[in-house]
PDB file of N, CA and C in Angstrom:
ATOM      1  N   MET A   1     -19.677  -5.019  11.539  1.00  0.00           N
ATOM      2  CA  MET A   1     -18.327  -5.101  10.991  1.00  0.00           C
ATOM      3  C   MET A   1     -17.890  -3.723  10.508  1.00  0.00           C
ATOM      4  N   SER A   2     -16.647  -3.392  10.740  1.00  0.00           N
ATOM      5  CA  SER A   2     -16.087  -2.124  10.287  1.00  0.00           C
ATOM      6  C   SER A   2     -15.816  -2.167   8.791  1.00  0.00           C
ATOM      7  N   VAL A   3     -15.776  -0.994   8.191  1.00  0.00           N
ATOM      8  CA  VAL A   3     -15.480  -0.870   6.767  1.00  0.00           C
ATOM      9  C   VAL A   3     -13.971  -0.739   6.591  1.00  0.00           C
ATOM     10  N   PRO A   4     -13.362  -1.555   5.712  1.00  0.00           N
ATOM     11  CA  PRO A   4     -11.920  -1.446   5.510  1.00  0.00           C
ATOM     12  C   PRO A   4     -11.537  -0.143   4.818  1.00  0.00           C
ATOM     13  N   GLN A   5     -10.359   0.362   5.157  1.00  0.00           N
ATOM     14  CA  GLN A   5      -9.806   1.540   4.483  1.00  0.00           C
ATOM     15  C   GLN A   5      -8.775   1.148   3.437  1.00  0.00           C
ATOM     16  N   LEU A   6      -8.231  -0.072   3.535  1.00  0.00           N
ATOM     17  CA  LEU A   6      -7.172  -0.513   2.633  1.00  0.00           C
ATOM     18  C   LEU A   6      -7.463  -1.941   2.201  1.00  0.00           C
ATOM     19  N   LEU A   7      -7.347  -2.185   0.887  1.00  0.00           N
ATOM     20  CA  LEU A   7      -7.498  -3.537   0.363  1.00  0.00           C
ATOM     21  C   LEU A   7      -6.165  -4.025  -0.178  1.00  0.00           C
ATOM     22  N   VAL A   8      -5.873  -5.273   0.142  1.00  0.00           N
ATOM     23  CA  VAL A   8      -4.692  -5.972  -0.345  1.00  0.00           C
ATOM     24  C   VAL A   8      -5.239  -7.192  -1.078  1.00  0.00           C
ATOM     25  N   HIS A   9      -4.796  -7.422  -2.293  1.00  0.00           N
ATOM     26  CA  HIS A   9      -5.416  -8.468  -3.102  1.00  0.00           C
ATOM     27  C   HIS A   9      -4.768  -9.831  -2.953  1.00  0.00           C
ATOM     28  N   ASP A  10      -3.503  -9.891  -2.603  1.00  0.00           N
ATOM     29  CA  ASP A  10      -2.760 -11.144  -2.595  1.00  0.00           C
ATOM     30  C   ASP A  10      -1.782 -11.120  -1.418  1.00  0.00           C
ATOM     31  N   HIS A  11      -1.565 -12.250  -0.806  1.00  0.00           N
ATOM     32  CA  HIS A  11      -0.618 -12.312   0.323  1.00  0.00           C
ATOM     33  C   HIS A  11       0.802 -11.938  -0.088  1.00  0.00           C
ATOM     34  N   LYS A  12       1.129 -12.022  -1.380  1.00  0.00           N
ATOM     35  CA  LYS A  12       2.463 -11.644  -1.858  1.00  0.00           C
ATOM     36  C   LYS A  12       2.613 -10.127  -1.990  1.00  0.00           C
ATOM     37  N   ASP A  13       1.508  -9.381  -1.986  1.00  0.00           N
ATOM     38  CA  ASP A  13       1.570  -7.932  -2.169  1.00  0.00           C
ATOM     39  C   ASP A  13       2.337  -7.262  -1.035  1.00  0.00           C
ATOM     40  N   ASN A  14       3.079  -6.199  -1.391  1.00  0.00           N
ATOM     41  CA  ASN A  14       3.737  -5.401  -0.359  1.00  0.00           C
ATOM     42  C   ASN A  14       3.180  -3.978  -0.314  1.00  0.00           C
ATOM     43  N   VAL A  15       2.093  -3.750  -1.066  1.00  0.00           N
ATOM     44  CA  VAL A  15       1.322  -2.508  -0.985  1.00  0.00           C
ATOM     45  C   VAL A  15      -0.155  -2.855  -0.996  1.00  0.00           C
ATOM     46  N   GLY A  16      -0.949  -1.949  -0.427  1.00  0.00           N
ATOM     47  CA  GLY A  16      -2.398  -2.066  -0.482  1.00  0.00           C
ATOM     48  C   GLY A  16      -2.968  -0.792  -1.086  1.00  0.00           C
ATOM     49  N   VAL A  17      -4.250  -0.827  -1.450  1.00  0.00           N
ATOM     50  CA  VAL A  17      -4.911   0.290  -2.110  1.00  0.00           C
ATOM     51  C   VAL A  17      -5.930   0.920  -1.162  1.00  0.00           C
ATOM     52  N   VAL A  18      -5.846   2.241  -1.021  1.00  0.00           N
ATOM     53  CA  VAL A  18      -6.798   2.986  -0.193  1.00  0.00           C
ATOM     54  C   VAL A  18      -8.157   2.983  -0.891  1.00  0.00           C
ATOM     55  N   VAL A  19      -9.208   2.639  -0.152  1.00  0.00           N
ATOM     56  CA  VAL A  19     -10.545   2.526  -0.742  1.00  0.00           C
ATOM     57  C   VAL A  19     -11.563   3.460  -0.100  1.00  0.00           C
ATOM     58  N   VAL A  20     -11.083   4.482   0.607  1.00  0.00           N
ATOM     59  CA  VAL A  20     -11.968   5.484   1.214  1.00  0.00           C
ATOM     60  C   VAL A  20     -11.461   6.882   0.862  1.00  0.00           C
ATOM     61  N   GLU A  21     -12.369   7.828   0.813  1.00  0.00           N
ATOM     62  CA  GLU A  21     -12.007   9.233   0.597  1.00  0.00           C
ATOM     63  C   GLU A  21     -11.442   9.823   1.893  1.00  0.00           C
ATOM     64  N   GLY A  22     -10.467  10.698   1.751  1.00  0.00           N
ATOM     65  CA  GLY A  22     -10.000  11.494   2.884  1.00  0.00           C
ATOM     66  C   GLY A  22      -9.220  10.743   3.944  1.00  0.00           C
ATOM     67  N   LEU A  23      -8.461   9.725   3.569  1.00  0.00           N
ATOM     68  CA  LEU A  23      -7.644   9.011   4.556  1.00  0.00           C
ATOM     69  C   LEU A  23      -6.581   9.954   5.104  1.00  0.00           C
ATOM     70  N   LYS A  24      -6.529  10.098   6.393  1.00  0.00           N
ATOM     71  CA  LYS A  24      -5.609  11.030   7.061  1.00  0.00           C
ATOM     72  C   LYS A  24      -4.434  10.307   7.709  1.00  0.00           C
ATOM     73  N   ALA A  25      -3.308  11.007   7.784  1.00  0.00           N
ATOM     74  CA  ALA A  25      -2.147  10.492   8.506  1.00  0.00           C
ATOM     75  C   ALA A  25      -2.557  10.154   9.933  1.00  0.00           C
ATOM     76  N   GLY A  26      -2.037   9.052  10.435  1.00  0.00           N
ATOM     77  CA  GLY A  26      -2.339   8.630  11.796  1.00  0.00           C
ATOM     78  C   GLY A  26      -3.543   7.722  11.915  1.00  0.00           C
ATOM     79  N   THR A  27      -4.250   7.486  10.802  1.00  0.00           N
ATOM     80  CA  THR A  27      -5.419   6.602  10.833  1.00  0.00           C
ATOM     81  C   THR A  27      -4.982   5.165  11.063  1.00  0.00           C
ATOM     82  N   ASP A  28      -5.631   4.507  12.019  1.00  0.00           N
ATOM     83  CA  ASP A  28      -5.445   3.070  12.241  1.00  0.00           C
ATOM     84  C   ASP A  28      -6.363   2.372  11.237  1.00  0.00           C
ATOM     85  N   MET A  29      -5.796   1.956  10.097  1.00  0.00           N
ATOM     86  CA  MET A  29      -6.596   1.403   9.008  1.00  0.00           C
ATOM     87  C   MET A  29      -6.929  -0.067   9.242  1.00  0.00           C
ATOM     88  N   LEU A  30      -8.174  -0.419   8.953  1.00  0.00           N
ATOM     89  CA  LEU A  30      -8.548  -1.823   8.842  1.00  0.00           C
ATOM     90  C   LEU A  30      -8.184  -2.232   7.421  1.00  0.00           C
ATOM     91  N   CYS A  31      -7.339  -3.234   7.283  1.00  0.00           N
ATOM     92  CA  CYS A  31      -6.852  -3.697   5.988  1.00  0.00           C
ATOM     93  C   CYS A  31      -7.369  -5.117   5.772  1.00  0.00           C
ATOM     94  N   VAL A  32      -7.922  -5.378   4.599  1.00  0.00           N
ATOM     95  CA  VAL A  32      -8.467  -6.698   4.282  1.00  0.00           C
ATOM     96  C   VAL A  32      -7.715  -7.283   3.094  1.00  0.00           C
ATOM     97  N   ILE A  33      -7.297  -8.537   3.237  1.00  0.00           N
ATOM     98  CA  ILE A  33      -6.677  -9.269   2.140  1.00  0.00           C
ATOM     99  C   ILE A  33      -7.794 -10.021   1.437  1.00  0.00           C
ATOM    100  N   THR A  34      -8.112  -9.595   0.215  1.00  0.00           N
ATOM    101  CA  THR A  34      -9.278 -10.136  -0.479  1.00  0.00           C
ATOM    102  C   THR A  34      -9.102 -11.591  -0.907  1.00  0.00           C
ATOM    103  N   GLU A  35      -7.867 -12.053  -1.013  1.00  0.00           N
ATOM    104  CA  GLU A  35      -7.589 -13.439  -1.395  1.00  0.00           C
ATOM    105  C   GLU A  35      -8.296 -14.428  -0.461  1.00  0.00           C
ATOM    106  N   ASP A  36      -8.334 -14.108   0.846  1.00  0.00           N
ATOM    107  CA  ASP A  36      -8.953 -15.029   1.800  1.00  0.00           C
ATOM    108  C   ASP A  36      -9.800 -14.315   2.865  1.00  0.00           C
ATOM    109  N   ASN A  37     -10.021 -13.006   2.670  1.00  0.00           N
ATOM    110  CA  ASN A  37     -10.835 -12.197   3.578  1.00  0.00           C
ATOM    111  C   ASN A  37     -10.234 -12.063   4.975  1.00  0.00           C
ATOM    112  N   SER A  38      -8.923 -12.283   5.106  1.00  0.00           N
ATOM    113  CA  SER A  38      -8.260 -12.048   6.401  1.00  0.00           C
ATOM    114  C   SER A  38      -8.038 -10.552   6.558  1.00  0.00           C
ATOM    115  N   ASP A  39      -7.714 -10.123   7.775  1.00  0.00           N
ATOM    116  CA  ASP A  39      -7.517  -8.691   7.991  1.00  0.00           C
ATOM    117  C   ASP A  39      -6.388  -8.432   8.974  1.00  0.00           C
ATOM    118  N   PHE A  40      -5.933  -7.185   8.973  1.00  0.00           N
ATOM    119  CA  PHE A  40      -4.900  -6.714   9.888  1.00  0.00           C
ATOM    120  C   PHE A  40      -5.050  -5.202  10.000  1.00  0.00           C
ATOM    121  N   HIS A  41      -4.302  -4.588  10.887  1.00  0.00           N
ATOM    122  CA  HIS A  41      -4.328  -3.135  11.054  1.00  0.00           C
ATOM    123  C   HIS A  41      -2.972  -2.544  10.704  1.00  0.00           C
ATOM    124  N   LEU A  42      -2.991  -1.335  10.178  1.00  0.00           N
ATOM    125  CA  LEU A  42      -1.789  -0.609   9.783  1.00  0.00           C
ATOM    126  C   LEU A  42      -2.082   0.872   9.951  1.00  0.00           C
ATOM    127  N   THR A  43      -1.114   1.629  10.471  1.00  0.00           N
ATOM    128  CA  THR A  43      -1.288   3.066  10.648  1.00  0.00           C
ATOM    129  C   THR A  43      -0.746   3.813   9.438  1.00  0.00           C
ATOM    130  N   SER A  44      -1.563   4.681   8.866  1.00  0.00           N
ATOM    131  CA  SER A  44      -1.142   5.503   7.736  1.00  0.00           C
ATOM    132  C   SER A  44      -0.215   6.605   8.236  1.00  0.00           C
ATOM    133  N   ARG A  45       0.921   6.785   7.580  1.00  0.00           N
ATOM    134  CA  ARG A  45       1.871   7.834   7.955  1.00  0.00           C
ATOM    135  C   ARG A  45       1.600   9.152   7.229  1.00  0.00           C
ATOM    136  N   HIS A  46       0.772   9.097   6.172  1.00  0.00           N
ATOM    137  CA  HIS A  46       0.469  10.285   5.375  1.00  0.00           C
ATOM    138  C   HIS A  46      -1.020  10.348   5.084  1.00  0.00           C
ATOM    139  N   ASP A  47      -1.506  11.527   4.681  1.00  0.00           N
ATOM    140  CA  ASP A  47      -2.809  11.619   4.043  1.00  0.00           C
ATOM    141  C   ASP A  47      -2.638  10.934   2.686  1.00  0.00           C
ATOM    142  N   VAL A  48      -3.559  10.046   2.326  1.00  0.00           N
ATOM    143  CA  VAL A  48      -3.429   9.308   1.067  1.00  0.00           C
ATOM    144  C   VAL A  48      -4.759   9.348   0.322  1.00  0.00           C
ATOM    145  N   PRO A  49      -4.737   9.780  -0.945  1.00  0.00           N
ATOM    146  CA  PRO A  49      -5.981   9.827  -1.729  1.00  0.00           C
ATOM    147  C   PRO A  49      -6.531   8.425  -2.032  1.00  0.00           C
ATOM    148  N   ILE A  50      -7.816   8.368  -2.235  1.00  0.00           N
ATOM    149  CA  ILE A  50      -8.456   7.116  -2.632  1.00  0.00           C
ATOM    150  C   ILE A  50      -7.811   6.607  -3.928  1.00  0.00           C
ATOM    151  N   GLY A  51      -7.595   5.293  -3.993  1.00  0.00           N
ATOM    152  CA  GLY A  51      -7.002   4.676  -5.170  1.00  0.00           C
ATOM    153  C   GLY A  51      -5.485   4.629  -5.162  1.00  0.00           C
ATOM    154  N   HIS A  52      -4.862   5.324  -4.225  1.00  0.00           N
ATOM    155  CA  HIS A  52      -3.399   5.314  -4.134  1.00  0.00           C
ATOM    156  C   HIS A  52      -2.942   4.185  -3.217  1.00  0.00           C
ATOM    157  N   LYS A  53      -1.653   3.906  -3.236  1.00  0.00           N
ATOM    158  CA  LYS A  53      -1.086   2.777  -2.518  1.00  0.00           C
ATOM    159  C   LYS A  53      -0.421   3.189  -1.206  1.00  0.00           C
ATOM    160  N   VAL A  54      -0.386   2.228  -0.269  1.00  0.00           N
ATOM    161  CA  VAL A  54       0.311   2.373   1.010  1.00  0.00           C
ATOM    162  C   VAL A  54       1.208   1.153   1.171  1.00  0.00           C
ATOM    163  N   ALA A  55       2.450   1.377   1.622  1.00  0.00           N
ATOM    164  CA  ALA A  55       3.399   0.290   1.840  1.00  0.00           C
ATOM    165  C   ALA A  55       2.997  -0.554   3.049  1.00  0.00           C
ATOM    166  N   LEU A  56       3.040  -1.863   2.881  1.00  0.00           N
ATOM    167  CA  LEU A  56       2.735  -2.782   3.973  1.00  0.00           C
ATOM    168  C   LEU A  56       3.974  -3.150   4.776  1.00  0.00           C
ATOM    169  N   VAL A  57       5.131  -2.923   4.181  1.00  0.00           N
ATOM    170  CA  VAL A  57       6.431  -3.227   4.802  1.00  0.00           C
ATOM    171  C   VAL A  57       7.386  -2.106   4.435  1.00  0.00           C
ATOM    172  N   ASP A  58       8.506  -2.018   5.125  1.00  0.00           N
ATOM    173  CA  ASP A  58       9.556  -1.086   4.729  1.00  0.00           C
ATOM    174  C   ASP A  58      10.132  -1.549   3.391  1.00  0.00           C
ATOM    175  N   LEU A  59      10.317  -0.601   2.475  1.00  0.00           N
ATOM    176  CA  LEU A  59      10.870  -0.899   1.157  1.00  0.00           C
ATOM    177  C   LEU A  59      12.094  -0.026   0.923  1.00  0.00           C
ATOM    178  N   LYS A  60      13.150  -0.623   0.371  1.00  0.00           N
ATOM    179  CA  LYS A  60      14.371   0.138   0.104  1.00  0.00           C
ATOM    180  C   LYS A  60      14.540   0.347  -1.398  1.00  0.00           C
ATOM    181  N   VAL A  61      15.384   1.290  -1.759  1.00  0.00           N
ATOM    182  CA  VAL A  61      15.648   1.591  -3.160  1.00  0.00           C
ATOM    183  C   VAL A  61      16.050   0.307  -3.893  1.00  0.00           C
ATOM    184  N   GLY A  62      15.409   0.070  -5.033  1.00  0.00           N
ATOM    185  CA  GLY A  62      15.675  -1.112  -5.834  1.00  0.00           C
ATOM    186  C   GLY A  62      14.713  -2.259  -5.597  1.00  0.00           C
ATOM    187  N   ASP A  63      13.969  -2.224  -4.474  1.00  0.00           N
ATOM    188  CA  ASP A  63      12.995  -3.284  -4.210  1.00  0.00           C
ATOM    189  C   ASP A  63      11.894  -3.270  -5.262  1.00  0.00           C
ATOM    190  N   THR A  64      11.303  -4.421  -5.488  1.00  0.00           N
ATOM    191  CA  THR A  64      10.169  -4.561  -6.395  1.00  0.00           C
ATOM    192  C   THR A  64       8.880  -4.361  -5.615  1.00  0.00           C
ATOM    193  N   VAL A  65       7.970  -3.567  -6.167  1.00  0.00           N
ATOM    194  CA  VAL A  65       6.659  -3.357  -5.559  1.00  0.00           C
ATOM    195  C   VAL A  65       5.684  -4.352  -6.185  1.00  0.00           C
ATOM    196  N   ILE A  66       4.967  -5.063  -5.324  1.00  0.00           N
ATOM    197  CA  ILE A  66       4.022  -6.081  -5.762  1.00  0.00           C
ATOM    198  C   ILE A  66       2.600  -5.643  -5.388  1.00  0.00           C
ATOM    199  N   LYS A  67       1.731  -5.584  -6.405  1.00  0.00           N
ATOM    200  CA  LYS A  67       0.312  -5.246  -6.232  1.00  0.00           C
ATOM    201  C   LYS A  67      -0.484  -6.222  -7.092  1.00  0.00           C
ATOM    202  N   TYR A  68      -1.586  -6.748  -6.574  1.00  0.00           N
ATOM    203  CA  TYR A  68      -2.380  -7.782  -7.273  1.00  0.00           C
ATOM    204  C   TYR A  68      -1.530  -9.013  -7.573  1.00  0.00           C
ATOM    205  N   GLY A  69      -0.473  -9.252  -6.764  1.00  0.00           N
ATOM    206  CA  GLY A  69       0.410 -10.378  -6.984  1.00  0.00           C
ATOM    207  C   GLY A  69       1.373 -10.176  -8.142  1.00  0.00           C
ATOM    208  N   GLN A  70       1.431  -8.947  -8.694  1.00  0.00           N
ATOM    209  CA  GLN A  70       2.247  -8.663  -9.876  1.00  0.00           C
ATOM    210  C   GLN A  70       3.268  -7.568  -9.592  1.00  0.00           C
ATOM    211  N   ASP A  71       4.396  -7.633 -10.285  1.00  0.00           N
ATOM    212  CA  ASP A  71       5.445  -6.617 -10.238  1.00  0.00           C
ATOM    213  C   ASP A  71       4.918  -5.357 -10.925  1.00  0.00           C
ATOM    214  N   ILE A  72       4.825  -4.239 -10.184  1.00  0.00           N
ATOM    215  CA  ILE A  72       4.353  -2.989 -10.803  1.00  0.00           C
ATOM    216  C   ILE A  72       5.443  -1.925 -10.884  1.00  0.00           C
ATOM    217  N   GLY A  73       6.665  -2.247 -10.454  1.00  0.00           N
ATOM    218  CA  GLY A  73       7.745  -1.278 -10.562  1.00  0.00           C
ATOM    219  C   GLY A  73       8.779  -1.438  -9.477  1.00  0.00           C
ATOM    220  N   LYS A  74       9.706  -0.459  -9.454  1.00  0.00           N
ATOM    221  CA  LYS A  74      10.799  -0.506  -8.481  1.00  0.00           C
ATOM    222  C   LYS A  74      10.789   0.750  -7.616  1.00  0.00           C
ATOM    223  N   VAL A  75      11.252   0.584  -6.414  1.00  0.00           N
ATOM    224  CA  VAL A  75      11.345   1.674  -5.448  1.00  0.00           C
ATOM    225  C   VAL A  75      12.536   2.555  -5.818  1.00  0.00           C
ATOM    226  N   VAL A  76      12.323   3.884  -5.884  1.00  0.00           N
ATOM    227  CA  VAL A  76      13.395   4.821  -6.215  1.00  0.00           C
ATOM    228  C   VAL A  76      13.738   5.755  -5.056  1.00  0.00           C
ATOM    229  N   ALA A  77      13.005   5.662  -3.979  1.00  0.00           N
ATOM    230  CA  ALA A  77      13.280   6.394  -2.736  1.00  0.00           C
ATOM    231  C   ALA A  77      12.762   5.519  -1.600  1.00  0.00           C
ATOM    232  N   PRO A  78      13.449   5.468  -0.467  1.00  0.00           N
ATOM    233  CA  PRO A  78      13.009   4.606   0.634  1.00  0.00           C
ATOM    234  C   PRO A  78      11.556   4.894   1.030  1.00  0.00           C
ATOM    235  N   ILE A  79      10.838   3.807   1.345  1.00  0.00           N
ATOM    236  CA  ILE A  79       9.431   3.901   1.737  1.00  0.00           C
ATOM    237  C   ILE A  79       9.264   3.116   3.031  1.00  0.00           C
ATOM    238  N   ALA A  80       8.759   3.764   4.062  1.00  0.00           N
ATOM    239  CA  ALA A  80       8.512   3.083   5.337  1.00  0.00           C
ATOM    240  C   ALA A  80       7.110   2.479   5.346  1.00  0.00           C
ATOM    241  N   ARG A  81       6.952   1.462   6.143  1.00  0.00           N
ATOM    242  CA  ARG A  81       5.645   0.823   6.342  1.00  0.00           C
ATOM    243  C   ARG A  81       4.623   1.909   6.699  1.00  0.00           C
ATOM    244  N   GLY A  82       3.494   1.915   6.001  1.00  0.00           N
ATOM    245  CA  GLY A  82       2.436   2.883   6.261  1.00  0.00           C
ATOM    246  C   GLY A  82       2.520   4.150   5.429  1.00  0.00           C
ATOM    247  N   GLU A  83       3.590   4.297   4.621  1.00  0.00           N
ATOM    248  CA  GLU A  83       3.750   5.509   3.813  1.00  0.00           C
ATOM    249  C   GLU A  83       3.061   5.388   2.454  1.00  0.00           C
ATOM    250  N   HIS A  84       2.735   6.560   1.902  1.00  0.00           N
ATOM    251  CA  HIS A  84       2.143   6.698   0.579  1.00  0.00           C
ATOM    252  C   HIS A  84       3.140   6.214  -0.470  1.00  0.00           C
ATOM    253  N   VAL A  85       2.685   5.370  -1.390  1.00  0.00           N
ATOM    254  CA  VAL A  85       3.506   4.872  -2.491  1.00  0.00           C
ATOM    255  C   VAL A  85       2.903   5.433  -3.773  1.00  0.00           C
ATOM    256  N   HIS A  86       3.698   6.215  -4.508  1.00  0.00           N
ATOM    257  CA  HIS A  86       3.203   6.836  -5.741  1.00  0.00           C
ATOM    258  C   HIS A  86       4.405   7.213  -6.612  1.00  0.00           C
ATOM    259  N   VAL A  87       4.224   8.076  -7.574  1.00  0.00           N
ATOM    260  CA  VAL A  87       5.266   8.392  -8.559  1.00  0.00           C
ATOM    261  C   VAL A  87       6.507   9.047  -7.950  1.00  0.00           C
ATOM    262  N   HIS A  88       6.419   9.572  -6.746  1.00  0.00           N
ATOM    263  CA  HIS A  88       7.589  10.189  -6.115  1.00  0.00           C
ATOM    264  C   HIS A  88       8.560   9.158  -5.547  1.00  0.00           C
ATOM    265  N   ASN A  89       8.117   7.910  -5.384  1.00  0.00           N
ATOM    266  CA  ASN A  89       8.997   6.892  -4.819  1.00  0.00           C
ATOM    267  C   ASN A  89       8.901   5.533  -5.529  1.00  0.00           C
ATOM    268  N   LEU A  90       8.158   5.483  -6.620  1.00  0.00           N
ATOM    269  CA  LEU A  90       7.964   4.252  -7.392  1.00  0.00           C
ATOM    270  C   LEU A  90       8.020   4.571  -8.880  1.00  0.00           C
ATOM    271  N   LYS A  91       8.783   3.792  -9.615  1.00  0.00           N
ATOM    272  CA  LYS A  91       8.876   3.972 -11.069  1.00  0.00           C
ATOM    273  C   LYS A  91       8.713   2.626 -11.764  1.00  0.00           C
ATOM    274  N   THR A  92       8.161   2.660 -12.959  1.00  0.00           N
ATOM    275  CA  THR A  92       8.056   1.453 -13.760  1.00  0.00           C
ATOM    276  C   THR A  92       9.446   0.949 -14.130  1.00  0.00           C
ATOM    277  N   LYS A  93       9.551  -0.329 -14.382  1.00  0.00           N
ATOM    278  CA  LYS A  93      10.824  -0.910 -14.829  1.00  0.00           C
ATOM    279  C   LYS A  93      10.946  -0.857 -16.355  1.00  0.00           C
ATOM    280  N   ARG A  94       9.921  -0.390 -17.030  1.00  0.00           N
ATOM    281  CA  ARG A  94       9.913  -0.372 -18.501  1.00  0.00           C
ATOM    282  C   ARG A  94      10.844   0.694 -19.072  1.00  0.00           C
ATOM    283  N   TRP A  95      11.008   1.813 -18.381  1.00  0.00           N
ATOM    284  CA  TRP A  95      11.840   2.898 -18.900  1.00  0.00           C
ATOM    285  C   TRP A  95      12.992   3.130 -17.966  1.00  0.00           C
TER     286      TRP A  95
END
């Protein structure tokens, strides 16, 4: 069995977490949904550090980002499927 590069915790999530060092743009990632151990493939559009997020779907400004089945913030710049999701395009709703 191959080692996953991206973990998604819940089917409601629209981002997954990179779980390998040195993920490069263009990588065909094996993605595993831990809720039921299902899997899918997604191509990374950017180099993404371990522990950072990747969009599973296209997200537009104002969309809610869901991780671990929970609202973790809002999109402040468009994010395409496979792109790095971090502080440059995601902000908390608290402030």
